[in-house]
């Protein structure tokens, strides 16, 4: 089984002097080691239909944080680096990366002949503009904190970018990838309607450009004929067809109205085992299904209440109810990072049910008779409905009565952005790096966003140390300490990582599922006759 990890070489770059990162320039016409392997037998052309259960509210890669957006926009937008499934950040729009001995200066040589979907060539000025825009908190990007260590971006020539840091950041290469680290033309946001237009016209450098976004129906992408990678992609077009629920998605696969889909409920694969003409693949996951506990909300302000809730939850039972057991119960990191970065589960507090202790904590907090609490779930995320019922039953045993509120994704994302999360389900993926996983979500402002209002100074110290440390062993010790603190004070309850189950028609060839759950692999897929 694949387990992501930061390569020792990548982790030590900050102390090893001026070293080129993996991914030297390739001969023209040679496919890079991104998105998946090239296929010399590929047939070109055709439209591939992807059934999706969760539609993004918009396609703005700078301001829209939801995974539903990222999953599709990675095909339209690219950053200097790419999050390779190995856990290593590799050059993408950059041809190479060099790091100074003190780890404070990163020099990138840009790939030549890169063209934006707008038709203009990419230069270092566009890179500087894009990353300066993201890191300016006034512009409202949820990724601003990820770039907080950047002091200055210089452009000595059209094909060189120099990023200078105010303090070391071992995760900067992974930050400069696809989630918020994409490159767009200079002055993209100068127009008042620029953010709205990103749902009508893409301005990235990716293998596909946006052709049409019709909400509650579909997203259509077309092959970008000026894409910088020779002879890529193979497909002419991709149609993301929005399905109202999991049952509709399964029916689309059975009826061949969809060529490929990732099952929102991995247990539904059992219904397709005997369906002719379908391939079913399972991949390890960088995703997590969680409960988030807002430290500014109602009774959750008291750490004893948060601990009691954690001690009342049987994660295995929740996973069984939600996805039929097709996943991995979590401690304090995602399943695919447990071996590389996870704290030993037997060293973590509040991970196993202890109802007597939970009741005692509630009594200490002045809630011996229990209380009522709202639990927010997101419409369209079907695992949340059975999970909510199961958790309501579990918390009832300690006197907490849940009122389940179902909201649209856009409403939930607005609460997320404004740090008004309350007590809520969450469903999100990460890139395979602990700084990317934890820092923006849990570090106090202004360095981080601390969406759950944890406001924990010990966590802030550990998060800063983890960012600045490049030695792998020392870095892991820091993140193990952080996870022990998280488990004890409970800003979040990581429930489980679902298996990534992808179902495709047999005519779909050369698709590799990325562990983030994002659709990178479509850039190398093709359709057999």
Protein backbone atom coordinates (compact mmCIF):
# COMPACT_ATOMS: atom_id res chain seq x y z
CA UNK A 1 0.00 0.00 0.00
CA UNK A 2 1.26 3.48 -0.86
CA UNK A 3 2.19 5.69 2.08
CA UNK A 4 3.03 9.32 1.36
CA UNK A 5 6.10 10.80 2.97
CA UNK A 6 8.33 13.77 2.46
CA UNK A 7 11.50 12.49 0.88
CA UNK A 8 14.60 12.99 2.99
CA UNK A 9 16.17 14.94 0.16
CA UNK A 10 13.24 17.33 -0.04
CA UNK A 11 13.07 17.78 3.72
CA UNK A 12 16.76 18.59 4.02
CA UNK A 13 16.96 21.04 1.14
CA UNK A 14 16.76 23.97 3.53
CA UNK A 15 20.10 23.03 5.11
CA UNK A 16 21.86 21.44 2.17
CA UNK A 17 22.87 24.54 0.20
CA UNK A 18 21.97 25.37 -3.37
CA UNK A 19 20.37 22.19 -4.65
CA UNK A 20 18.12 21.59 -7.61
CA UNK A 21 14.77 20.06 -6.68
CA UNK A 22 13.60 16.82 -8.32
CA UNK A 23 12.23 17.27 -11.83
CA UNK A 24 14.92 18.49 -14.21
CA UNK A 25 13.82 19.83 -17.60
CA UNK A 26 12.71 17.11 -19.99
CA UNK A 27 13.13 16.84 -23.72
CA UNK A 28 10.31 18.39 -25.71
CA UNK A 29 7.50 15.91 -26.22
CA UNK A 30 8.33 13.92 -23.09
CA UNK A 31 5.51 13.82 -20.54
CA UNK A 32 6.50 14.97 -17.08
CA UNK A 33 6.08 12.76 -14.04
CA UNK A 34 2.91 14.62 -13.09
CA UNK A 35 -0.77 13.68 -13.23
CA UNK A 36 0.21 10.06 -13.96
CA UNK A 37 2.16 8.19 -16.59
CA UNK A 38 1.92 9.03 -20.28
CA UNK A 39 0.60 6.25 -22.52
CA UNK A 40 2.16 5.81 -25.97
CA UNK A 41 -0.86 3.67 -26.97
CA UNK A 42 -3.35 6.43 -26.15
CA UNK A 43 -6.15 7.25 -28.55
CA UNK A 44 -6.75 10.96 -28.83
CA UNK A 45 -10.08 12.75 -28.76
CA UNK A 46 -13.50 12.28 -27.25
CA UNK A 47 -15.42 13.66 -24.29
CA UNK A 48 -15.20 11.90 -20.94
CA UNK A 49 -18.16 12.32 -18.58
CA UNK A 50 -17.49 12.44 -14.85
CA UNK A 51 -20.39 12.08 -12.42
CA UNK A 52 -19.90 14.22 -9.31
CA UNK A 53 -22.07 14.41 -6.21
CA UNK A 54 -20.87 17.74 -4.82
CA UNK A 55 -20.87 20.83 -7.01
CA UNK A 56 -18.53 23.75 -6.21
CA UNK A 57 -20.32 27.04 -5.50
CA UNK A 58 -17.88 28.74 -7.89
CA UNK A 59 -14.57 28.06 -9.67
CA UNK A 60 -12.42 30.81 -8.15
CA UNK A 61 -9.11 29.13 -7.14
CA UNK A 62 -8.03 32.07 -5.00
CA UNK A 63 -11.09 32.68 -2.82
CA UNK A 64 -13.07 29.41 -2.82
CA UNK A 65 -11.74 26.97 -0.22
CA UNK A 66 -13.98 23.95 -0.72
CA UNK A 67 -12.55 20.65 -1.92
CA UNK A 68 -15.41 20.44 -4.42
CA UNK A 69 -13.78 23.40 -6.17
CA UNK A 70 -10.19 22.19 -5.88
CA UNK A 71 -11.06 18.75 -7.23
CA UNK A 72 -11.92 20.17 -10.64
CA UNK A 73 -9.87 23.38 -10.90
CA UNK A 74 -6.57 21.49 -10.61
CA UNK A 75 -7.11 20.66 -14.30
CA UNK A 76 -7.33 24.35 -15.24
CA UNK A 77 -4.81 25.96 -12.90
CA UNK A 78 -1.21 25.15 -12.03
CA UNK A 79 1.38 26.36 -9.56
CA UNK A 80 5.15 26.43 -9.62
CA UNK A 81 5.11 22.96 -8.02
CA UNK A 82 3.00 19.80 -8.11
CA UNK A 83 1.96 17.60 -5.17
CA UNK A 84 3.27 14.27 -6.40
CA UNK A 85 1.55 11.21 -4.86
CA UNK A 86 4.91 10.28 -3.32
CA UNK A 87 4.46 13.18 -0.92
CA UNK A 88 7.11 15.23 -2.66
CA UNK A 89 6.61 18.65 -4.23
CA UNK A 90 7.99 18.53 -7.78
CA UNK A 91 8.52 21.33 -10.32
CA UNK A 92 5.56 22.08 -12.58
CA UNK A 93 5.52 25.64 -13.96
CA UNK A 94 9.02 25.86 -12.54
CA UNK A 95 11.73 23.84 -14.27
CA UNK A 96 13.94 23.80 -11.19
CA UNK A 97 14.18 25.07 -7.63
CA UNK A 98 17.26 26.08 -5.65
CA UNK A 99 17.39 26.88 -1.92
CA UNK A 100 20.02 28.95 -0.13
CA UNK A 101 22.07 27.45 2.74
CA UNK A 102 20.04 29.37 5.35
CA UNK A 103 16.75 28.14 3.89
CA UNK A 104 15.47 31.70 3.40
CA UNK A 105 15.84 32.17 -0.35
CA UNK A 106 14.18 30.03 -3.02
CA UNK A 107 15.12 30.58 -6.66
CA UNK A 108 12.85 29.17 -9.36
CA UNK A 109 13.67 28.91 -13.05
CA UNK A 110 10.41 29.07 -14.97
CA UNK A 111 9.36 26.78 -17.76
CA UNK A 112 9.45 28.47 -21.18
CA UNK A 113 6.60 28.65 -23.70
CA UNK A 114 3.83 28.52 -21.09
CA UNK A 115 0.63 30.21 -22.27
CA UNK A 116 -2.41 31.24 -20.24
CA UNK A 117 -5.92 30.36 -21.34
CA UNK A 118 -6.23 34.06 -22.18
CA UNK A 119 -3.56 33.62 -24.88
CA UNK A 120 -0.75 35.62 -23.28
CA UNK A 121 2.63 34.11 -22.34
CA UNK A 122 3.49 33.49 -18.69
CA UNK A 123 6.40 35.43 -17.22
CA UNK A 124 7.87 35.94 -13.77
CA UNK A 125 5.70 39.06 -13.38
CA UNK A 126 2.61 36.85 -13.44
CA UNK A 127 4.05 34.55 -10.79
CA UNK A 128 4.92 37.48 -8.54
CA UNK A 129 1.48 39.02 -9.00
CA UNK A 130 -0.32 35.75 -8.22
CA UNK A 131 1.58 34.95 -5.03
CA UNK A 132 1.63 38.56 -3.84
CA UNK A 133 -2.15 38.63 -4.30
CA UNK A 134 -2.71 35.43 -2.34
CA UNK A 135 -0.46 36.39 0.56
CA UNK A 136 -2.14 39.78 1.05
CA UNK A 137 -4.80 39.00 3.67
CA UNK A 138 -6.79 42.05 2.54
CA UNK A 139 -7.63 40.19 -0.68
CA UNK A 140 -9.56 37.55 1.24
CA UNK A 141 -7.91 34.34 0.09
CA UNK A 142 -8.30 31.47 2.59
CA UNK A 143 -4.75 30.50 1.61
CA UNK A 144 -3.18 33.79 2.68
CA UNK A 145 -1.73 32.37 5.88
CA UNK A 146 0.02 29.59 3.95
CA UNK A 147 2.24 32.26 2.42
CA UNK A 148 2.81 34.20 5.65
CA UNK A 149 6.56 33.51 5.81
CA UNK A 150 7.19 35.21 2.45
CA UNK A 151 8.91 38.56 2.91
CA UNK A 152 9.50 39.46 -0.72
CA UNK A 153 9.16 38.11 -4.25
CA UNK A 154 11.69 39.36 -6.80
CA UNK A 155 11.84 38.89 -10.58
CA UNK A 156 15.40 39.44 -11.85
CA UNK A 157 14.30 38.44 -15.36
CA UNK A 158 11.25 37.13 -17.19
CA UNK A 159 12.00 33.50 -16.34
CA UNK A 160 13.38 33.71 -12.79
CA UNK A 161 11.46 34.14 -9.54
CA UNK A 162 13.22 34.62 -6.20
CA UNK A 163 11.15 34.15 -3.05
CA UNK A 164 12.73 35.46 0.16
CA UNK A 165 11.35 34.33 3.51
CA UNK A 166 11.29 36.07 6.86
CA UNK A 167 11.82 32.70 8.53
CA UNK A 168 12.38 29.16 7.26
CA UNK A 169 9.38 27.26 5.94
CA UNK A 170 10.14 23.64 5.09
CA UNK A 171 6.74 23.32 3.43
CA UNK A 172 6.99 26.23 1.01
CA UNK A 173 7.42 23.97 -2.07
CA UNK A 174 4.18 22.14 -1.23
CA UNK A 175 2.47 25.49 -0.61
CA UNK A 176 3.32 26.56 -4.16
CA UNK A 177 1.23 23.76 -5.68
CA UNK A 178 -2.38 23.74 -6.81
CA UNK A 179 -4.77 24.38 -3.93
CA UNK A 180 -4.16 28.13 -3.59
CA UNK A 181 -0.74 28.37 -5.21
CA UNK A 182 -1.81 28.74 -8.82
CA UNK A 183 -0.44 31.28 -11.29
CA UNK A 184 -2.71 33.61 -13.26
CA UNK A 185 -2.03 36.62 -15.51
CA UNK A 186 -0.86 39.83 -13.88
CA UNK A 187 -3.73 42.15 -12.87
CA UNK A 188 -6.35 39.39 -13.13
CA UNK A 189 -8.25 40.89 -10.21
CA UNK A 190 -8.04 44.50 -11.37
CA UNK A 191 -11.54 44.26 -12.85
CA UNK A 192 -14.41 44.66 -10.35
CA UNK A 193 -16.15 41.56 -11.72
CA UNK A 194 -12.98 39.42 -11.88
CA UNK A 195 -14.01 36.94 -9.19
CA UNK A 196 -17.38 36.30 -10.82
CA UNK A 197 -15.79 35.89 -14.24
CA UNK A 198 -13.63 33.00 -13.00
CA UNK A 199 -16.79 30.87 -13.10
CA UNK A 200 -17.25 31.83 -16.73
CA UNK A 201 -13.72 31.80 -18.13
CA UNK A 202 -10.59 30.13 -16.76
CA UNK A 203 -7.31 32.07 -16.87
CA UNK A 204 -4.89 29.33 -15.84
CA UNK A 205 -2.18 27.36 -17.61
CA UNK A 206 -3.62 23.86 -17.17
CA UNK A 207 -4.33 21.19 -19.78
CA UNK A 208 -8.04 22.05 -19.86
CA UNK A 209 -9.82 25.40 -20.01
CA UNK A 210 -13.35 26.19 -18.83
CA UNK A 211 -15.94 25.99 -21.60
CA UNK A 212 -19.15 26.25 -19.55
CA UNK A 213 -20.31 26.19 -15.94
CA UNK A 214 -24.03 25.69 -15.55
CA UNK A 215 -24.85 25.46 -11.81
CA UNK A 216 -26.84 22.40 -10.71
CA UNK A 217 -26.15 20.83 -14.07
CA UNK A 218 -22.56 20.54 -15.29
CA UNK A 219 -19.07 21.92 -15.73
CA UNK A 220 -17.62 21.48 -19.20
CA UNK A 221 -13.89 21.76 -19.91
CA UNK A 222 -12.19 21.72 -23.30
CA UNK A 223 -8.67 20.69 -24.23
CA UNK A 224 -6.41 23.75 -24.21
CA UNK A 225 -4.71 23.69 -27.63
CA UNK A 226 -1.80 25.87 -26.50
CA UNK A 227 -1.00 23.78 -23.44
CA UNK A 228 2.75 23.82 -22.83
CA UNK A 229 3.15 20.03 -22.44
CA UNK A 230 3.56 18.63 -25.94
CA UNK A 231 0.92 16.11 -27.05
CA UNK A 232 -1.08 16.42 -23.84
CA UNK A 233 -3.85 15.95 -22.84
CA UNK A 234 -5.39 13.09 -24.80
CA UNK A 235 -9.06 14.01 -24.29
CA UNK A 236 -10.85 16.73 -26.26
CA UNK A 237 -13.20 17.55 -23.41
CA UNK A 238 -14.38 16.64 -19.92
CA UNK A 239 -17.97 16.99 -18.74
CA UNK A 240 -18.50 17.03 -14.97
CA UNK A 241 -22.15 16.03 -14.58
CA UNK A 242 -23.68 17.04 -11.25
CA UNK A 243 -25.79 14.29 -9.67
CA UNK A 244 -28.41 15.02 -7.00
CA UNK A 245 -27.46 12.07 -4.80
CA UNK A 246 -25.45 8.86 -4.56
CA UNK A 247 -28.23 6.76 -6.04
CA UNK A 248 -28.36 8.93 -9.15
CA UNK A 249 -24.59 8.69 -9.49
CA UNK A 250 -24.72 4.89 -9.38
CA UNK A 251 -27.47 4.85 -11.97
CA UNK A 252 -25.44 7.08 -14.27
CA UNK A 253 -22.62 4.54 -14.11
CA UNK A 254 -24.91 1.58 -14.73
CA UNK A 255 -26.60 3.30 -17.68
CA UNK A 256 -23.26 4.47 -19.12
CA UNK A 257 -24.28 8.10 -18.90
CA UNK A 258 -21.10 8.55 -16.85
CA UNK A 259 -17.68 7.24 -17.76
CA UNK A 260 -16.15 7.62 -14.32
CA UNK A 261 -17.10 8.66 -10.79
CA UNK A 262 -15.70 8.68 -7.29
CA UNK A 263 -18.26 7.17 -4.98
CA UNK A 264 -19.36 9.57 -2.21
CA UNK A 265 -20.29 6.44 -0.22
CA UNK A 266 -17.51 3.88 -0.76
CA UNK A 267 -19.76 1.06 0.46
CA UNK A 268 -21.89 1.54 -2.68
CA UNK A 269 -19.19 -0.27 -4.64
CA UNK A 270 -20.82 -3.49 -3.45
CA UNK A 271 -23.87 -2.66 -5.56
CA UNK A 272 -21.70 -2.50 -8.68
CA UNK A 273 -19.57 -5.61 -8.22
CA UNK A 274 -21.52 -7.62 -10.77
CA UNK A 275 -22.37 -4.76 -13.14
CA UNK A 276 -20.92 -5.49 -16.59
CA UNK A 277 -18.38 -3.16 -18.16
CA UNK A 278 -17.27 -1.43 -14.95
CA UNK A 279 -13.89 -1.33 -13.24
CA UNK A 280 -13.70 -0.59 -9.52
CA UNK A 281 -10.50 0.76 -7.99
CA UNK A 282 -9.66 1.57 -4.38
CA UNK A 283 -6.93 4.01 -3.38
CA UNK A 284 -5.59 5.21 -0.01
CA UNK A 285 -6.84 8.56 1.14
CA UNK A 286 -5.54 11.92 2.28
CA UNK A 287 -9.11 12.85 3.16
CA UNK A 288 -10.76 13.09 6.55
CA UNK A 289 -14.33 13.19 7.75
CA UNK A 290 -14.44 15.12 10.99
CA UNK A 291 -16.41 16.89 13.69
CA UNK A 292 -15.21 20.43 14.36
CA UNK A 293 -15.78 22.10 17.73
CA UNK A 294 -15.83 25.90 17.70
CA UNK A 295 -14.11 27.18 20.85
CA UNK A 296 -16.25 30.35 20.78
CA UNK A 297 -19.59 28.56 20.54
CA UNK A 298 -21.99 27.93 23.42
CA UNK A 299 -20.95 25.12 25.78
CA UNK A 300 -18.00 24.22 23.53
CA UNK A 301 -16.03 27.10 25.04
CA UNK A 302 -15.30 24.77 27.98
CA UNK A 303 -12.54 22.26 27.20
CA UNK A 304 -14.20 19.79 29.59
CA UNK A 305 -17.30 19.73 27.39
CA UNK A 306 -15.21 19.16 24.28
CA UNK A 307 -13.38 16.29 26.00
CA UNK A 308 -16.68 14.79 27.14
CA UNK A 309 -18.03 14.83 23.58
CA UNK A 310 -14.89 13.11 22.29
CA UNK A 311 -15.10 10.45 25.01
CA UNK A 312 -18.73 9.71 24.14
CA UNK A 313 -18.09 9.02 20.45
CA UNK A 314 -17.39 5.55 19.11
CA UNK A 315 -15.58 6.33 15.84
CA UNK A 316 -15.76 2.78 14.56
CA UNK A 317 -19.55 2.78 14.92
CA UNK A 318 -19.80 6.16 13.19
CA UNK A 319 -17.67 4.93 10.28
CA UNK A 320 -19.72 1.75 10.00
CA UNK A 321 -22.96 3.72 9.86
CA UNK A 322 -21.58 6.32 7.46
CA UNK A 323 -19.60 4.31 4.92
CA UNK A 324 -20.11 0.68 5.89
CA UNK A 325 -16.65 0.42 7.39
CA UNK A 326 -14.87 1.17 4.07
CA UNK A 327 -12.20 3.36 5.56
CA UNK A 328 -9.77 3.85 8.43
CA UNK A 329 -10.60 5.20 11.89
CA UNK A 330 -8.36 8.17 12.66
CA UNK A 331 -6.49 9.54 15.61
CA UNK A 332 -5.23 13.04 14.85
CA UNK A 333 -3.99 12.81 11.26
CA UNK A 334 -5.27 11.43 7.97
CA UNK A 335 -4.88 7.72 7.31
CA UNK A 336 -2.29 7.99 4.55
CA UNK A 337 -0.02 10.13 6.78
CA UNK A 338 -0.31 8.06 9.96
CA UNK A 339 2.89 6.08 9.40
CA UNK A 340 4.93 9.08 8.34
CA UNK A 341 3.67 11.80 10.68
CA UNK A 342 1.03 10.40 13.03
CA UNK A 343 1.25 10.18 16.80
CA UNK A 344 0.96 6.59 18.12
CA UNK A 345 -2.72 6.06 18.75
CA UNK A 346 -2.10 4.52 22.19
CA UNK A 347 -0.45 7.78 23.28
CA UNK A 348 -3.47 9.96 22.46
CA UNK A 349 -6.15 10.99 24.94
CA UNK A 350 -9.93 11.01 24.25
CA UNK A 351 -9.73 8.47 21.42
CA UNK A 352 -11.74 5.64 22.97
CA UNK A 353 -15.26 5.85 24.44
CA UNK A 354 -15.40 6.34 28.21
CA UNK A 355 -18.93 7.31 29.16
CA UNK A 356 -18.32 7.49 32.90
CA UNK A 357 -15.45 9.92 32.42
CA UNK A 358 -17.52 11.91 29.91
CA UNK A 359 -20.41 12.28 32.38
CA UNK A 360 -17.99 13.30 35.12
CA UNK A 361 -16.47 16.01 32.91
CA UNK A 362 -19.92 17.39 32.08
CA UNK A 363 -20.78 17.49 35.77
CA UNK A 364 -17.52 19.35 36.51
CA UNK A 365 -18.46 21.84 33.82
CA UNK A 366 -21.88 22.42 35.42
CA UNK A 367 -23.90 20.33 32.97
CA UNK A 368 -24.81 17.30 35.04
CA UNK A 369 -28.30 17.39 33.54
CA UNK A 370 -26.98 17.66 30.02
CA UNK A 371 -27.90 20.31 27.44
CA UNK A 372 -29.10 20.82 23.87
CA UNK A 373 -26.65 21.54 21.06
CA UNK A 374 -26.97 22.16 17.32
CA UNK A 375 -25.01 19.90 14.95
CA UNK A 376 -24.52 21.28 11.42
CA UNK A 377 -24.29 18.96 8.41
CA UNK A 378 -23.93 19.79 4.72
CA UNK A 379 -26.60 18.92 2.17
CA UNK A 380 -25.21 16.61 -0.50
CA UNK A 381 -22.56 14.99 1.72
CA UNK A 382 -24.49 11.80 2.21
CA UNK A 383 -22.21 10.21 4.80
CA UNK A 384 -23.14 13.01 7.19
CA UNK A 385 -26.79 12.00 7.52
CA UNK A 386 -26.24 8.53 9.07
CA UNK A 387 -23.25 9.89 10.97
CA UNK A 388 -25.43 12.58 12.53
CA UNK A 389 -28.03 10.05 13.67
CA UNK A 390 -25.34 7.79 15.15
CA UNK A 391 -23.57 10.61 16.95
CA UNK A 392 -26.88 11.95 18.29
CA UNK A 393 -27.55 8.52 19.79
CA UNK A 394 -24.07 8.35 21.28
CA UNK A 395 -24.18 11.82 22.83
CA UNK A 396 -27.67 11.20 24.20
CA UNK A 397 -26.04 8.64 26.52
CA UNK A 398 -24.25 11.47 28.34
CA UNK A 399 -27.22 13.86 28.27
CA UNK A 400 -26.35 15.96 25.19
CA UNK A 401 -29.38 16.37 22.93
CA UNK A 402 -28.50 17.21 19.34
CA UNK A 403 -30.58 19.31 16.98
CA UNK A 404 -29.37 18.42 13.46
CA UNK A 405 -29.30 21.34 11.02
CA UNK A 406 -28.66 20.67 7.31
CA UNK A 407 -27.27 23.60 5.29
CA UNK A 408 -26.13 24.16 1.71
CA UNK A 409 -22.41 24.00 1.01
CA UNK A 410 -22.22 27.73 0.22
CA UNK A 411 -23.77 28.60 3.59
CA UNK A 412 -21.36 26.27 5.37
CA UNK A 413 -18.34 27.72 3.54
CA UNK A 414 -19.33 31.23 4.54
CA UNK A 415 -19.45 30.15 8.19
CA UNK A 416 -16.05 28.49 7.71
CA UNK A 417 -14.50 31.65 6.25
CA UNK A 418 -15.91 33.85 9.01
CA UNK A 419 -14.80 31.44 11.78
CA UNK A 420 -18.37 30.81 12.88
CA UNK A 421 -18.25 27.02 12.54
CA UNK A 422 -20.15 26.08 15.73
CA UNK A 423 -20.46 22.27 16.09
CA UNK A 424 -20.23 20.89 12.61
CA UNK A 425 -19.23 18.09 10.32
CA UNK A 426 -16.37 18.70 7.94
CA UNK A 427 -15.05 16.78 4.93
CA UNK A 428 -11.69 17.79 3.54
CA UNK A 429 -8.45 16.61 2.01
CA UNK A 430 -4.89 17.72 2.45
CA UNK A 431 -1.66 17.69 0.58
CA UNK A 432 0.79 15.17 2.09
CA UNK A 433 2.59 17.55 4.43
CA UNK A 434 1.86 18.18 8.13
CA UNK A 435 2.37 21.94 7.90
CA UNK A 436 -0.18 22.16 5.09
CA UNK A 437 -2.56 19.94 7.06
CA UNK A 438 -2.42 21.79 10.37
CA UNK A 439 -1.02 25.32 10.16
CA UNK A 440 -3.67 27.34 8.38
CA UNK A 441 -6.50 25.51 10.12
CA UNK A 442 -5.22 25.61 13.70
CA UNK A 443 -2.63 28.43 14.06
CA UNK A 444 -3.97 31.63 15.67
CA UNK A 445 -4.33 34.74 13.48
CA UNK A 446 -2.75 36.58 11.85
CA UNK A 447 -0.26 33.84 10.95
CA UNK A 448 -3.03 31.25 10.64
CA UNK A 449 -6.80 31.28 10.34
CA UNK A 450 -7.72 29.11 13.39
CA UNK A 451 -11.14 28.40 11.90
CA UNK A 452 -12.22 26.58 15.09
CA UNK A 453 -11.24 29.44 17.43
CA UNK A 454 -8.90 27.15 19.36
CA UNK A 455 -6.60 30.05 20.37
CA UNK A 456 -4.02 27.73 21.91
CA UNK A 457 -0.58 29.37 22.47
CA UNK A 458 1.15 26.01 22.96
CA UNK A 459 -0.20 24.86 19.61
CA UNK A 460 0.97 28.11 18.00
CA UNK A 461 4.49 27.51 19.28
CA UNK A 462 4.58 23.94 18.00
CA UNK A 463 3.12 24.92 14.64
CA UNK A 464 5.77 27.61 14.19
CA UNK A 465 8.51 25.16 15.12
CA UNK A 466 7.17 22.54 12.72
CA UNK A 467 7.18 25.02 9.87
CA UNK A 468 10.74 26.17 10.52
CA UNK A 469 12.30 22.74 11.11
CA UNK A 470 13.65 20.78 8.12
CA UNK A 471 15.14 17.75 9.94
CA UNK A 472 12.64 14.91 9.50
CA UNK A 473 13.03 13.29 12.93
CA UNK A 474 12.84 16.59 14.81
CA UNK A 475 9.89 17.66 12.70
CA UNK A 476 7.97 14.50 13.47
CA UNK A 477 8.53 14.92 17.24
CA UNK A 478 7.04 18.41 17.00
CA UNK A 479 3.94 17.21 15.16
CA UNK A 480 3.47 14.28 17.53
CA UNK A 481 3.43 16.78 20.43
CA UNK A 482 0.93 18.91 18.52
CA UNK A 483 -1.35 15.93 17.96
CA UNK A 484 -1.26 15.00 21.64
CA UNK A 485 -2.33 18.56 22.45
CA UNK A 486 -5.14 18.37 19.89
CA UNK A 487 -6.37 15.09 21.29
CA UNK A 488 -6.38 16.49 24.82
CA UNK A 489 -8.07 19.83 24.10
CA UNK A 490 -10.29 18.71 21.19
CA UNK A 491 -10.66 21.51 18.65
CA UNK A 492 -11.62 18.78 16.20
CA UNK A 493 -12.51 15.08 16.26
CA UNK A 494 -11.03 13.31 13.25
CA UNK A 495 -13.46 10.45 12.69
CA UNK A 496 -12.22 8.46 9.70
CA UNK A 497 -10.56 8.58 6.28
CA UNK A 498 -12.87 7.01 3.68
CA UNK A 499 -11.31 4.80 1.05
CA UNK A 500 -11.22 6.48 -2.36
CA UNK A 501 -13.33 4.23 -4.57
CA UNK A 502 -13.33 5.13 -8.25
CA UNK A 503 -15.63 3.35 -10.71
CA UNK A 504 -15.08 3.65 -14.45
CA UNK A 505 -16.32 2.18 -17.70
CA UNK A 506 -13.83 -0.23 -19.27
CA UNK A 507 -13.28 2.21 -22.14
CA UNK A 508 -11.59 4.64 -19.73
CA UNK A 509 -7.85 4.03 -19.86
CA UNK A 510 -4.75 5.25 -18.07
CA UNK A 511 -6.53 6.98 -15.16
CA UNK A 512 -4.60 7.12 -11.88
CA UNK A 513 -6.43 8.24 -8.74
CA UNK A 514 -4.58 10.90 -6.75
CA UNK A 515 -4.79 10.37 -2.95
CA UNK A 516 -6.22 13.87 -2.43
CA UNK A 517 -9.36 12.77 -4.27
CA UNK A 518 -8.80 15.57 -6.80
CA UNK A 519 -9.13 14.86 -10.54
CA UNK A 520 -5.48 15.26 -11.59
CA UNK A 521 -5.51 11.88 -13.35
CA UNK A 522 -7.94 13.02 -16.05
CA UNK A 523 -5.06 14.93 -17.63
CA UNK A 524 -3.56 11.56 -18.66
CA UNK A 525 -6.75 9.54 -19.22
CA UNK A 526 -8.06 8.54 -22.63
CA UNK A 527 -11.06 6.76 -24.11
CA UNK A 528 -10.77 3.53 -26.06
CA UNK A 529 -12.82 3.11 -29.21
